[in-house]
Amino acid sequence: MGKTLVNRTHLLVQDDIDHILAGQPKSVQDRFQSCNLMPDLLAYVLSRIPNLYAVCQEDDSLDLSPITYESAQRQLERETLIYQGIYCVLEKSQEPQTAKSAQNQIGQRPGIHLRR
């Protein structure tokens, strides 16, 4: 019997990204889909936050439910990183003259500001 390592934070971040991208303008959603930018955004966020891992037996059914116990501050920090990541990934994927328009397209929730 082998063991499997599961990054539970990845599941939570994926859910949050899906939710946040769904609230973005269609042009942003289309750009992420057409250029396959989701892995870039996931890597951006996951490399900047603490990750929670679980070890499971291969023959056990994996409990892949997202993390349900977390402070509001951590959740806000993660969501802020997602918004920053959207801008950063879009900027890197576009021509220099259109990078500024990417920042203007990203819809922000109140109280969240992008850092440069």
PDB file of N, CA and C in Angstrom:
ATOM      1  N   MET A   1       0.831  -1.195   0.000  1.00  0.00           N
ATOM      2  CA  MET A   1       0.000   0.000   0.000  1.00  0.00           C
ATOM      3  C   MET A   1       0.868   1.248   0.000  1.00  0.00           C
ATOM      4  N   GLY A   2       0.649   2.113  -0.967  1.00  0.00           N
ATOM      5  CA  GLY A   2       1.393   3.360  -1.036  1.00  0.00           C
ATOM      6  C   GLY A   2       0.606   4.495  -0.442  1.00  0.00           C
ATOM      7  N   LYS A   3       1.279   5.589  -0.319  1.00  0.00           N
ATOM      8  CA  LYS A   3       0.643   6.790   0.211  1.00  0.00           C
ATOM      9  C   LYS A   3       0.649   7.870  -0.861  1.00  0.00           C
ATOM     10  N   THR A   4      -0.329   8.748  -0.754  1.00  0.00           N
ATOM     11  CA  THR A   4      -0.470   9.848  -1.691  1.00  0.00           C
ATOM     12  C   THR A   4      -0.427  11.162  -0.924  1.00  0.00           C
ATOM     13  N   LEU A   5       0.323  12.114  -1.452  1.00  0.00           N
ATOM     14  CA  LEU A   5       0.400  13.445  -0.864  1.00  0.00           C
ATOM     15  C   LEU A   5      -0.595  14.347  -1.585  1.00  0.00           C
ATOM     16  N   VAL A   6      -1.439  15.014  -0.819  1.00  0.00           N
ATOM     17  CA  VAL A   6      -2.474  15.879  -1.388  1.00  0.00           C
ATOM     18  C   VAL A   6      -2.276  17.298  -0.871  1.00  0.00           C
ATOM     19  N   ASN A   7      -2.201  18.264  -1.785  1.00  0.00           N
ATOM     20  CA  ASN A   7      -2.112  19.671  -1.421  1.00  0.00           C
ATOM     21  C   ASN A   7      -3.541  20.201  -1.283  1.00  0.00           C
ATOM     22  N   ARG A   8      -3.979  20.303  -0.058  1.00  0.00           N
ATOM     23  CA  ARG A   8      -5.353  20.743   0.193  1.00  0.00           C
ATOM     24  C   ARG A   8      -5.538  22.234  -0.107  1.00  0.00           C
ATOM     25  N   THR A   9      -4.490  23.020   0.006  1.00  0.00           N
ATOM     26  CA  THR A   9      -4.570  24.446  -0.300  1.00  0.00           C
ATOM     27  C   THR A   9      -4.865  24.657  -1.780  1.00  0.00           C
ATOM     28  N   HIS A  10      -4.304  23.797  -2.620  1.00  0.00           N
ATOM     29  CA  HIS A  10      -4.545  23.890  -4.068  1.00  0.00           C
ATOM     30  C   HIS A  10      -6.034  23.843  -4.365  1.00  0.00           C
ATOM     31  N   LEU A  11      -6.747  22.963  -3.695  1.00  0.00           N
ATOM     32  CA  LEU A  11      -8.192  22.835  -3.916  1.00  0.00           C
ATOM     33  C   LEU A  11      -8.925  24.121  -3.540  1.00  0.00           C
ATOM     34  N   LEU A  12      -8.526  24.699  -2.421  1.00  0.00           N
ATOM     35  CA  LEU A  12      -9.161  25.930  -1.954  1.00  0.00           C
ATOM     36  C   LEU A  12      -8.875  27.089  -2.902  1.00  0.00           C
ATOM     37  N   VAL A  13      -7.622  27.217  -3.319  1.00  0.00           N
ATOM     38  CA  VAL A  13      -7.236  28.292  -4.231  1.00  0.00           C
ATOM     39  C   VAL A  13      -7.952  28.132  -5.573  1.00  0.00           C
ATOM     40  N   GLN A  14      -8.043  26.900  -6.061  1.00  0.00           N
ATOM     41  CA  GLN A  14      -8.734  26.650  -7.332  1.00  0.00           C
ATOM     42  C   GLN A  14     -10.191  27.099  -7.252  1.00  0.00           C
ATOM     43  N   ASP A  15     -10.856  26.769  -6.161  1.00  0.00           N
ATOM     44  CA  ASP A  15     -12.248  27.199  -5.979  1.00  0.00           C
ATOM     45  C   ASP A  15     -12.362  28.721  -5.953  1.00  0.00           C
ATOM     46  N   ASP A  16     -11.453  29.364  -5.224  1.00  0.00           N
ATOM     47  CA  ASP A  16     -11.484  30.825  -5.129  1.00  0.00           C
ATOM     48  C   ASP A  16     -11.217  31.482  -6.484  1.00  0.00           C
ATOM     49  N   ILE A  17     -10.250  30.945  -7.221  1.00  0.00           N
ATOM     50  CA  ILE A  17      -9.943  31.498  -8.541  1.00  0.00           C
ATOM     51  C   ILE A  17     -11.145  31.361  -9.468  1.00  0.00           C
ATOM     52  N   ASP A  18     -11.769  30.200  -9.469  1.00  0.00           N
ATOM     53  CA  ASP A  18     -12.951  29.994 -10.311  1.00  0.00           C
ATOM     54  C   ASP A  18     -14.038  31.020  -9.983  1.00  0.00           C
ATOM     55  N   HIS A  19     -14.250  31.247  -8.692  1.00  0.00           N
ATOM     56  CA  HIS A  19     -15.281  32.192  -8.254  1.00  0.00           C
ATOM     57  C   HIS A  19     -14.919  33.629  -8.654  1.00  0.00           C
ATOM     58  N   ILE A  20     -13.679  34.027  -8.424  1.00  0.00           N
ATOM     59  CA  ILE A  20     -13.258  35.388  -8.732  1.00  0.00           C
ATOM     60  C   ILE A  20     -13.241  35.633 -10.238  1.00  0.00           C
ATOM     61  N   LEU A  21     -12.733  34.676 -11.008  1.00  0.00           N
ATOM     62  CA  LEU A  21     -12.717  34.848 -12.462  1.00  0.00           C
ATOM     63  C   LEU A  21     -14.126  34.929 -13.038  1.00  0.00           C
ATOM     64  N   ALA A  22     -15.073  34.221 -12.415  1.00  0.00           N
ATOM     65  CA  ALA A  22     -16.454  34.277 -12.891  1.00  0.00           C
ATOM     66  C   ALA A  22     -17.035  35.684 -12.767  1.00  0.00           C
ATOM     67  N   GLY A  23     -16.494  36.480 -11.853  1.00  0.00           N
ATOM     68  CA  GLY A  23     -16.966  37.843 -11.672  1.00  0.00           C
ATOM     69  C   GLY A  23     -16.212  38.868 -12.493  1.00  0.00           C
ATOM     70  N   GLN A  24     -15.242  38.427 -13.271  1.00  0.00           N
ATOM     71  CA  GLN A  24     -14.439  39.338 -14.098  1.00  0.00           C
ATOM     72  C   GLN A  24     -15.124  39.572 -15.449  1.00  0.00           C
ATOM     73  N   PRO A  25     -14.736  40.625 -16.136  1.00  0.00           N
ATOM     74  CA  PRO A  25     -15.296  40.877 -17.475  1.00  0.00           C
ATOM     75  C   PRO A  25     -15.026  39.690 -18.405  1.00  0.00           C
ATOM     76  N   LYS A  26     -15.895  39.520 -19.373  1.00  0.00           N
ATOM     77  CA  LYS A  26     -15.779  38.397 -20.306  1.00  0.00           C
ATOM     78  C   LYS A  26     -14.430  38.389 -21.016  1.00  0.00           C
ATOM     79  N   SER A  27     -13.886  39.560 -21.317  1.00  0.00           N
ATOM     80  CA  SER A  27     -12.591  39.618 -22.003  1.00  0.00           C
ATOM     81  C   SER A  27     -11.479  38.998 -21.159  1.00  0.00           C
ATOM     82  N   VAL A  28     -11.540  39.194 -19.842  1.00  0.00           N
ATOM     83  CA  VAL A  28     -10.537  38.601 -18.946  1.00  0.00           C
ATOM     84  C   VAL A  28     -10.735  37.093 -18.895  1.00  0.00           C
ATOM     85  N   GLN A  29     -11.977  36.652 -18.760  1.00  0.00           N
ATOM     86  CA  GLN A  29     -12.271  35.220 -18.729  1.00  0.00           C
ATOM     87  C   GLN A  29     -11.816  34.545 -20.020  1.00  0.00           C
ATOM     88  N   ASP A  30     -12.120  35.168 -21.149  1.00  0.00           N
ATOM     89  CA  ASP A  30     -11.728  34.601 -22.447  1.00  0.00           C
ATOM     90  C   ASP A  30     -10.218  34.513 -22.580  1.00  0.00           C
ATOM     91  N   ARG A  31      -9.521  35.534 -22.111  1.00  0.00           N
ATOM     92  CA  ARG A  31      -8.053  35.539 -22.210  1.00  0.00           C
ATOM     93  C   ARG A  31      -7.453  34.389 -21.390  1.00  0.00           C
ATOM     94  N   PHE A  32      -7.974  34.170 -20.187  1.00  0.00           N
ATOM     95  CA  PHE A  32      -7.469  33.074 -19.353  1.00  0.00           C
ATOM     96  C   PHE A  32      -7.733  31.729 -20.009  1.00  0.00           C
ATOM     97  N   GLN A  33      -8.891  31.589 -20.622  1.00  0.00           N
ATOM     98  CA  GLN A  33      -9.234  30.315 -21.247  1.00  0.00           C
ATOM     99  C   GLN A  33      -8.460  30.101 -22.547  1.00  0.00           C
ATOM    100  N   SER A  34      -8.415  31.089 -23.395  1.00  0.00           N
ATOM    101  CA  SER A  34      -7.793  30.917 -24.707  1.00  0.00           C
ATOM    102  C   SER A  34      -6.278  30.769 -24.622  1.00  0.00           C
ATOM    103  N   CYS A  35      -5.658  31.379 -23.634  1.00  0.00           N
ATOM    104  CA  CYS A  35      -4.193  31.312 -23.500  1.00  0.00           C
ATOM    105  C   CYS A  35      -3.744  30.306 -22.444  1.00  0.00           C
ATOM    106  N   ASN A  36      -4.690  29.561 -21.885  1.00  0.00           N
ATOM    107  CA  ASN A  36      -4.370  28.559 -20.862  1.00  0.00           C
ATOM    108  C   ASN A  36      -3.533  29.180 -19.744  1.00  0.00           C
ATOM    109  N   LEU A  37      -4.047  30.243 -19.137  1.00  0.00           N
ATOM    110  CA  LEU A  37      -3.318  30.981 -18.111  1.00  0.00           C
ATOM    111  C   LEU A  37      -3.608  30.501 -16.690  1.00  0.00           C
ATOM    112  N   MET A  38      -4.548  29.584 -16.525  1.00  0.00           N
ATOM    113  CA  MET A  38      -4.903  29.111 -15.186  1.00  0.00           C
ATOM    114  C   MET A  38      -3.705  28.523 -14.436  1.00  0.00           C
ATOM    115  N   PRO A  39      -2.872  27.673 -15.064  1.00  0.00           N
ATOM    116  CA  PRO A  39      -1.709  27.149 -14.325  1.00  0.00           C
ATOM    117  C   PRO A  39      -0.768  28.257 -13.847  1.00  0.00           C
ATOM    118  N   ASP A  40      -0.621  29.317 -14.643  1.00  0.00           N
ATOM    119  CA  ASP A  40       0.230  30.434 -14.247  1.00  0.00           C
ATOM    120  C   ASP A  40      -0.334  31.143 -13.018  1.00  0.00           C
ATOM    121  N   LEU A  41      -1.651  31.336 -13.010  1.00  0.00           N
ATOM    122  CA  LEU A  41      -2.288  31.998 -11.876  1.00  0.00           C
ATOM    123  C   LEU A  41      -2.217  31.124 -10.623  1.00  0.00           C
ATOM    124  N   LEU A  42      -2.467  29.834 -10.779  1.00  0.00           N
ATOM    125  CA  LEU A  42      -2.353  28.921  -9.642  1.00  0.00           C
ATOM    126  C   LEU A  42      -0.941  28.950  -9.054  1.00  0.00           C
ATOM    127  N   ALA A  43       0.062  28.891  -9.904  1.00  0.00           N
ATOM    128  CA  ALA A  43       1.447  28.915  -9.436  1.00  0.00           C
ATOM    129  C   ALA A  43       1.758  30.234  -8.738  1.00  0.00           C
ATOM    130  N   TYR A  44       1.270  31.335  -9.285  1.00  0.00           N
ATOM    131  CA  TYR A  44       1.489  32.649  -8.687  1.00  0.00           C
ATOM    132  C   TYR A  44       0.969  32.666  -7.246  1.00  0.00           C
ATOM    133  N   VAL A  45      -0.256  32.218  -7.061  1.00  0.00           N
ATOM    134  CA  VAL A  45      -0.882  32.284  -5.735  1.00  0.00           C
ATOM    135  C   VAL A  45      -0.274  31.249  -4.790  1.00  0.00           C
ATOM    136  N   LEU A  46      -0.168  30.005  -5.233  1.00  0.00           N
ATOM    137  CA  LEU A  46       0.314  28.939  -4.349  1.00  0.00           C
ATOM    138  C   LEU A  46       1.748  29.160  -3.886  1.00  0.00           C
ATOM    139  N   SER A  47       2.544  29.852  -4.680  1.00  0.00           N
ATOM    140  CA  SER A  47       3.930  30.094  -4.275  1.00  0.00           C
ATOM    141  C   SER A  47       4.056  31.231  -3.263  1.00  0.00           C
ATOM    142  N   ARG A  48       2.959  31.910  -2.987  1.00  0.00           N
ATOM    143  CA  ARG A  48       3.004  33.058  -2.079  1.00  0.00           C
ATOM    144  C   ARG A  48       2.219  32.867  -0.791  1.00  0.00           C
ATOM    145  N   ILE A  49       1.641  31.701  -0.585  1.00  0.00           N
ATOM    146  CA  ILE A  49       0.871  31.449   0.635  1.00  0.00           C
ATOM    147  C   ILE A  49       1.311  30.131   1.259  1.00  0.00           C
ATOM    148  N   PRO A  50       1.069  29.979   2.561  1.00  0.00           N
ATOM    149  CA  PRO A  50       1.367  28.687   3.197  1.00  0.00           C
ATOM    150  C   PRO A  50       0.439  27.616   2.627  1.00  0.00           C
ATOM    151  N   ASN A  51       0.978  26.432   2.415  1.00  0.00           N
ATOM    152  CA  ASN A  51       0.185  25.332   1.876  1.00  0.00           C
ATOM    153  C   ASN A  51      -0.020  24.264   2.939  1.00  0.00           C
ATOM    154  N   LEU A  52      -1.185  23.646   2.911  1.00  0.00           N
ATOM    155  CA  LEU A  52      -1.525  22.582   3.843  1.00  0.00           C
ATOM    156  C   LEU A  52      -1.591  21.277   3.065  1.00  0.00           C
ATOM    157  N   TYR A  53      -0.841  20.287   3.516  1.00  0.00           N
ATOM    158  CA  TYR A  53      -0.789  18.994   2.835  1.00  0.00           C
ATOM    159  C   TYR A  53      -1.382  17.914   3.734  1.00  0.00           C
ATOM    160  N   ALA A  54      -1.881  16.866   3.101  1.00  0.00           N
ATOM    161  CA  ALA A  54      -2.378  15.694   3.812  1.00  0.00           C
ATOM    162  C   ALA A  54      -1.800  14.457   3.139  1.00  0.00           C
ATOM    163  N   VAL A  55      -1.520  13.437   3.943  1.00  0.00           N
ATOM    164  CA  VAL A  55      -1.042  12.161   3.420  1.00  0.00           C
ATOM    165  C   VAL A  55      -2.167  11.157   3.588  1.00  0.00           C
ATOM    166  N   CYS A  56      -2.492  10.469   2.492  1.00  0.00           N
ATOM    167  CA  CYS A  56      -3.583   9.503   2.497  1.00  0.00           C
ATOM    168  C   CYS A  56      -3.083   8.180   1.923  1.00  0.00           C
ATOM    169  N   GLN A  57      -3.653   7.096   2.365  1.00  0.00           N
ATOM    170  CA  GLN A  57      -3.362   5.796   1.779  1.00  0.00           C
ATOM    171  C   GLN A  57      -3.976   5.757   0.389  1.00  0.00           C
ATOM    172  N   GLU A  58      -3.274   5.137  -0.552  1.00  0.00           N
ATOM    173  CA  GLU A  58      -3.772   5.097  -1.931  1.00  0.00           C
ATOM    174  C   GLU A  58      -5.124   4.412  -2.049  1.00  0.00           C
ATOM    175  N   ASP A  59      -5.363   3.402  -1.223  1.00  0.00           N
ATOM    176  CA  ASP A  59      -6.627   2.682  -1.324  1.00  0.00           C
ATOM    177  C   ASP A  59      -7.756   3.344  -0.542  1.00  0.00           C
ATOM    178  N   ASP A  60      -7.444   4.378   0.241  1.00  0.00           N
ATOM    179  CA  ASP A  60      -8.481   5.118   0.957  1.00  0.00           C
ATOM    180  C   ASP A  60      -9.150   6.094   0.002  1.00  0.00           C
ATOM    181  N   SER A  61     -10.411   6.355   0.260  1.00  0.00           N
ATOM    182  CA  SER A  61     -11.051   7.404  -0.522  1.00  0.00           C
ATOM    183  C   SER A  61     -10.505   8.729  -0.009  1.00  0.00           C
ATOM    184  N   LEU A  62     -10.006   9.537  -0.913  1.00  0.00           N
ATOM    185  CA  LEU A  62      -9.395  10.794  -0.523  1.00  0.00           C
ATOM    186  C   LEU A  62     -10.465  11.810  -0.165  1.00  0.00           C
ATOM    187  N   ASP A  63     -10.280  12.438   0.982  1.00  0.00           N
ATOM    188  CA  ASP A  63     -11.169  13.533   1.362  1.00  0.00           C
ATOM    189  C   ASP A  63     -10.611  14.789   0.733  1.00  0.00           C
ATOM    190  N   LEU A  64     -11.126  15.154  -0.426  1.00  0.00           N
ATOM    191  CA  LEU A  64     -10.597  16.284  -1.171  1.00  0.00           C
ATOM    192  C   LEU A  64     -11.394  17.557  -0.941  1.00  0.00           C
ATOM    193  N   SER A  65     -12.178  17.585   0.123  1.00  0.00           N
ATOM    194  CA  SER A  65     -12.931  18.801   0.397  1.00  0.00           C
ATOM    195  C   SER A  65     -11.964  19.923   0.769  1.00  0.00           C
ATOM    196  N   PRO A  66     -12.297  21.134   0.378  1.00  0.00           N
ATOM    197  CA  PRO A  66     -11.419  22.264   0.699  1.00  0.00           C
ATOM    198  C   PRO A  66     -11.288  22.467   2.203  1.00  0.00           C
ATOM    199  N   ILE A  67     -10.314  23.243   2.581  1.00  0.00           N
ATOM    200  CA  ILE A  67     -10.090  23.576   3.983  1.00  0.00           C
ATOM    201  C   ILE A  67     -11.280  24.407   4.460  1.00  0.00           C
ATOM    202  N   THR A  68     -11.839  24.041   5.593  1.00  0.00           N
ATOM    203  CA  THR A  68     -13.022  24.757   6.068  1.00  0.00           C
ATOM    204  C   THR A  68     -12.738  25.608   7.300  1.00  0.00           C
ATOM    205  N   TYR A  69     -11.565  25.507   7.867  1.00  0.00           N
ATOM    206  CA  TYR A  69     -11.227  26.280   9.057  1.00  0.00           C
ATOM    207  C   TYR A  69     -10.083  27.223   8.717  1.00  0.00           C
ATOM    208  N   GLU A  70     -10.392  28.490   8.666  1.00  0.00           N
ATOM    209  CA  GLU A  70      -9.390  29.455   8.254  1.00  0.00           C
ATOM    210  C   GLU A  70      -9.830  30.836   8.699  1.00  0.00           C
ATOM    211  N   SER A  71      -8.871  31.664   9.067  1.00  0.00           N
ATOM    212  CA  SER A  71      -9.199  33.013   9.521  1.00  0.00           C
ATOM    213  C   SER A  71      -9.649  33.870   8.343  1.00  0.00           C
ATOM    214  N   ALA A  72     -10.412  34.893   8.673  1.00  0.00           N
ATOM    215  CA  ALA A  72     -10.870  35.835   7.643  1.00  0.00           C
ATOM    216  C   ALA A  72      -9.675  36.574   7.042  1.00  0.00           C
ATOM    217  N   GLN A  73      -8.657  36.825   7.855  1.00  0.00           N
ATOM    218  CA  GLN A  73      -7.468  37.521   7.358  1.00  0.00           C
ATOM    219  C   GLN A  73      -6.760  36.689   6.288  1.00  0.00           C
ATOM    220  N   ARG A  74      -6.610  35.386   6.536  1.00  0.00           N
ATOM    221  CA  ARG A  74      -5.971  34.526   5.532  1.00  0.00           C
ATOM    222  C   ARG A  74      -6.790  34.477   4.254  1.00  0.00           C
ATOM    223  N   GLN A  75      -8.095  34.408   4.394  1.00  0.00           N
ATOM    224  CA  GLN A  75      -8.958  34.369   3.216  1.00  0.00           C
ATOM    225  C   GLN A  75      -8.816  35.666   2.419  1.00  0.00           C
ATOM    226  N   LEU A  76      -8.807  36.799   3.089  1.00  0.00           N
ATOM    227  CA  LEU A  76      -8.655  38.084   2.413  1.00  0.00           C
ATOM    228  C   LEU A  76      -7.292  38.185   1.738  1.00  0.00           C
ATOM    229  N   GLU A  77      -6.243  37.725   2.400  1.00  0.00           N
ATOM    230  CA  GLU A  77      -4.904  37.744   1.810  1.00  0.00           C
ATOM    231  C   GLU A  77      -4.856  36.884   0.543  1.00  0.00           C
ATOM    232  N   ARG A  78      -5.498  35.724   0.604  1.00  0.00           N
ATOM    233  CA  ARG A  78      -5.526  34.825  -0.563  1.00  0.00           C
ATOM    234  C   ARG A  78      -6.295  35.465  -1.718  1.00  0.00           C
ATOM    235  N   GLU A  79      -7.431  36.068  -1.422  1.00  0.00           N
ATOM    236  CA  GLU A  79      -8.216  36.711  -2.471  1.00  0.00           C
ATOM    237  C   GLU A  79      -7.461  37.898  -3.069  1.00  0.00           C
ATOM    238  N   THR A  80      -6.768  38.651  -2.244  1.00  0.00           N
ATOM    239  CA  THR A  80      -5.964  39.775  -2.734  1.00  0.00           C
ATOM    240  C   THR A  80      -4.873  39.270  -3.667  1.00  0.00           C
ATOM    241  N   LEU A  81      -4.214  38.176  -3.290  1.00  0.00           N
ATOM    242  CA  LEU A  81      -3.182  37.591  -4.148  1.00  0.00           C
ATOM    243  C   LEU A  81      -3.762  37.120  -5.473  1.00  0.00           C
ATOM    244  N   ILE A  82      -4.976  36.617  -5.450  1.00  0.00           N
ATOM    245  CA  ILE A  82      -5.608  36.168  -6.695  1.00  0.00           C
ATOM    246  C   ILE A  82      -5.828  37.362  -7.621  1.00  0.00           C
ATOM    247  N   TYR A  83      -6.340  38.462  -7.083  1.00  0.00           N
ATOM    248  CA  TYR A  83      -6.528  39.661  -7.911  1.00  0.00           C
ATOM    249  C   TYR A  83      -5.190  40.168  -8.446  1.00  0.00           C
ATOM    250  N   GLN A  84      -4.180  40.195  -7.600  1.00  0.00           N
ATOM    251  CA  GLN A  84      -2.846  40.616  -8.052  1.00  0.00           C
ATOM    252  C   GLN A  84      -2.327  39.662  -9.121  1.00  0.00           C
ATOM    253  N   GLY A  85      -2.549  38.375  -8.902  1.00  0.00           N
ATOM    254  CA  GLY A  85      -2.091  37.366  -9.854  1.00  0.00           C
ATOM    255  C   GLY A  85      -2.775  37.500 -11.205  1.00  0.00           C
ATOM    256  N   ILE A  86      -4.061  37.805 -11.198  1.00  0.00           N
ATOM    257  CA  ILE A  86      -4.775  37.987 -12.460  1.00  0.00           C
ATOM    258  C   ILE A  86      -4.108  39.101 -13.257  1.00  0.00           C
ATOM    259  N   TYR A  87      -3.848  40.217 -12.596  1.00  0.00           N
ATOM    260  CA  TYR A  87      -3.201  41.340 -13.278  1.00  0.00           C
ATOM    261  C   TYR A  87      -1.812  40.947 -13.777  1.00  0.00           C
ATOM    262  N   CYS A  88      -1.027  40.326 -12.917  1.00  0.00           N
ATOM    263  CA  CYS A  88       0.344  39.962 -13.272  1.00  0.00           C
ATOM    264  C   CYS A  88       0.384  38.975 -14.440  1.00  0.00           C
ATOM    265  N   VAL A  89      -0.447  37.952 -14.388  1.00  0.00           N
ATOM    266  CA  VAL A  89      -0.474  36.938 -15.452  1.00  0.00           C
ATOM    267  C   VAL A  89      -0.955  37.545 -16.765  1.00  0.00           C
ATOM    268  N   LEU A  90      -1.986  38.380 -16.703  1.00  0.00           N
ATOM    269  CA  LEU A  90      -2.470  39.044 -17.923  1.00  0.00           C
ATOM    270  C   LEU A  90      -1.396  39.966 -18.497  1.00  0.00           C
ATOM    271  N   GLU A  91      -0.726  40.689 -17.626  1.00  0.00           N
ATOM    272  CA  GLU A  91       0.312  41.609 -18.076  1.00  0.00           C
ATOM    273  C   GLU A  91       1.434  40.859 -18.791  1.00  0.00           C
ATOM    274  N   LYS A  92       1.839  39.729 -18.242  1.00  0.00           N
ATOM    275  CA  LYS A  92       2.917  38.951 -18.856  1.00  0.00           C
ATOM    276  C   LYS A  92       2.494  38.305 -20.169  1.00  0.00           C
ATOM    277  N   SER A  93       1.203  38.073 -20.337  1.00  0.00           N
ATOM    278  CA  SER A  93       0.734  37.380 -21.534  1.00  0.00           C
ATOM    279  C   SER A  93       0.377  38.316 -22.678  1.00  0.00           C
ATOM    280  N   GLN A  94       0.371  39.617 -22.417  1.00  0.00           N
ATOM    281  CA  GLN A  94      -0.049  40.583 -23.431  1.00  0.00           C
ATOM    282  C   GLN A  94       1.119  41.393 -23.950  1.00  0.00           C
ATOM    283  N   GLU A  95       0.859  42.060 -25.039  1.00  0.00           N
ATOM    284  CA  GLU A  95       1.837  42.983 -25.603  1.00  0.00           C
ATOM    285  C   GLU A  95       1.999  44.165 -24.649  1.00  0.00           C
ATOM    286  N   PRO A  96       3.177  44.789 -24.601  1.00  0.00           N
ATOM    287  CA  PRO A  96       3.405  45.894 -23.664  1.00  0.00           C
ATOM    288  C   PRO A  96       2.392  47.033 -23.771  1.00  0.00           C
ATOM    289  N   GLN A  97       1.957  47.370 -24.964  1.00  0.00           N
ATOM    290  CA  GLN A  97       1.043  48.502 -25.103  1.00  0.00           C
ATOM    291  C   GLN A  97      -0.358  48.187 -24.584  1.00  0.00           C
ATOM    292  N   THR A  98      -0.729  46.911 -24.448  1.00  0.00           N
ATOM    293  CA  THR A  98      -2.068  46.585 -23.963  1.00  0.00           C
ATOM    294  C   THR A  98      -2.070  46.144 -22.504  1.00  0.00           C
ATOM    295  N   ALA A  99      -0.914  46.109 -21.864  1.00  0.00           N
ATOM    296  CA  ALA A  99      -0.852  45.684 -20.466  1.00  0.00           C
ATOM    297  C   ALA A  99      -1.626  46.633 -19.562  1.00  0.00           C
ATOM    298  N   LYS A 100      -1.589  47.915 -19.855  1.00  0.00           N
ATOM    299  CA  LYS A 100      -2.300  48.890 -19.038  1.00  0.00           C
ATOM    300  C   LYS A 100      -3.809  48.666 -19.111  1.00  0.00           C
ATOM    301  N   SER A 101      -4.306  48.262 -20.275  1.00  0.00           N
ATOM    302  CA  SER A 101      -5.739  48.018 -20.398  1.00  0.00           C
ATOM    303  C   SER A 101      -6.161  46.797 -19.586  1.00  0.00           C
ATOM    304  N   ALA A 102      -5.259  45.859 -19.371  1.00  0.00           N
ATOM    305  CA  ALA A 102      -5.578  44.682 -18.559  1.00  0.00           C
ATOM    306  C   ALA A 102      -5.888  45.101 -17.134  1.00  0.00           C
ATOM    307  N   GLN A 103      -5.126  46.051 -16.606  1.00  0.00           N
ATOM    308  CA  GLN A 103      -5.363  46.531 -15.254  1.00  0.00           C
ATOM    309  C   GLN A 103      -6.739  47.182 -15.155  1.00  0.00           C
ATOM    310  N   ASN A 104      -7.141  47.895 -16.173  1.00  0.00           N
ATOM    311  CA  ASN A 104      -8.432  48.564 -16.162  1.00  0.00           C
ATOM    312  C   ASN A 104      -9.594  47.586 -16.303  1.00  0.00           C
ATOM    313  N   GLN A 105      -9.350  46.406 -16.899  1.00  0.00           N
ATOM    314  CA  GLN A 105     -10.401  45.420 -17.100  1.00  0.00           C
ATOM    315  C   GLN A 105     -10.697  44.613 -15.844  1.00  0.00           C
ATOM    316  N   ILE A 106      -9.728  44.499 -14.962  1.00  0.00           N
ATOM    317  CA  ILE A 106      -9.897  43.643 -13.797  1.00  0.00           C
ATOM    318  C   ILE A 106     -10.840  44.310 -12.815  1.00  0.00           C
ATOM    319  N   GLY A 107     -11.970  43.663 -12.579  1.00  0.00           N
ATOM    320  CA  GLY A 107     -12.928  44.175 -11.612  1.00  0.00           C
ATOM    321  C   GLY A 107     -12.450  43.857 -10.216  1.00  0.00           C
ATOM    322  N   GLN A 108     -12.473  44.822  -9.338  1.00  0.00           N
ATOM    323  CA  GLN A 108     -12.015  44.604  -7.974  1.00  0.00           C
ATOM    324  C   GLN A 108     -13.182  44.702  -7.020  1.00  0.00           C
ATOM    325  N   ARG A 109     -13.072  43.941  -5.942  1.00  0.00           N
ATOM    326  CA  ARG A 109     -14.031  44.064  -4.871  1.00  0.00           C
ATOM    327  C   ARG A 109     -13.639  45.268  -4.028  1.00  0.00           C
ATOM    328  N   PRO A 110     -14.591  45.877  -3.371  1.00  0.00           N
ATOM    329  CA  PRO A 110     -14.269  47.044  -2.520  1.00  0.00           C
ATOM    330  C   PRO A 110     -13.207  46.690  -1.488  1.00  0.00           C
ATOM    331  N   GLY A 111     -12.267  47.603  -1.315  1.00  0.00           N
ATOM    332  CA  GLY A 111     -11.241  47.415  -0.297  1.00  0.00           C
ATOM    333  C   GLY A 111     -10.032  46.643  -0.758  1.00  0.00           C
ATOM    334  N   ILE A 112     -10.025  46.141  -1.969  1.00  0.00           N
ATOM    335  CA  ILE A 112      -8.874  45.391  -2.459  1.00  0.00           C
ATOM    336  C   ILE A 112      -8.139  46.245  -3.480  1.00  0.00           C
ATOM    337  N   HIS A 113      -6.863  46.454  -3.231  1.00  0.00           N
ATOM    338  CA  HIS A 113      -6.048  47.282  -4.112  1.00  0.00           C
ATOM    339  C   HIS A 113      -4.860  46.485  -4.593  1.00  0.00           C
ATOM    340  N   LEU A 114      -4.532  46.635  -5.843  1.00  0.00           N
ATOM    341  CA  LEU A 114      -3.389  45.927  -6.409  1.00  0.00           C
ATOM    342  C   LEU A 114      -2.102  46.641  -6.035  1.00  0.00           C
ATOM    343  N   ARG A 115      -1.079  45.844  -5.667  1.00  0.00           N
ATOM    344  CA  ARG A 115       0.233  46.388  -5.424  1.00  0.00           C
ATOM    345  C   ARG A 115       1.028  46.319  -6.702  1.00  0.00           C
ATOM    346  N   ARG A 116       1.951  47.218  -6.877  1.00  0.00           N
ATOM    347  CA  ARG A 116       2.810  47.184  -8.058  1.00  0.00           C
ATOM    348  C   ARG A 116       4.208  46.897  -7.651  1.00  0.00           C
TER     349      ARG A 116
END
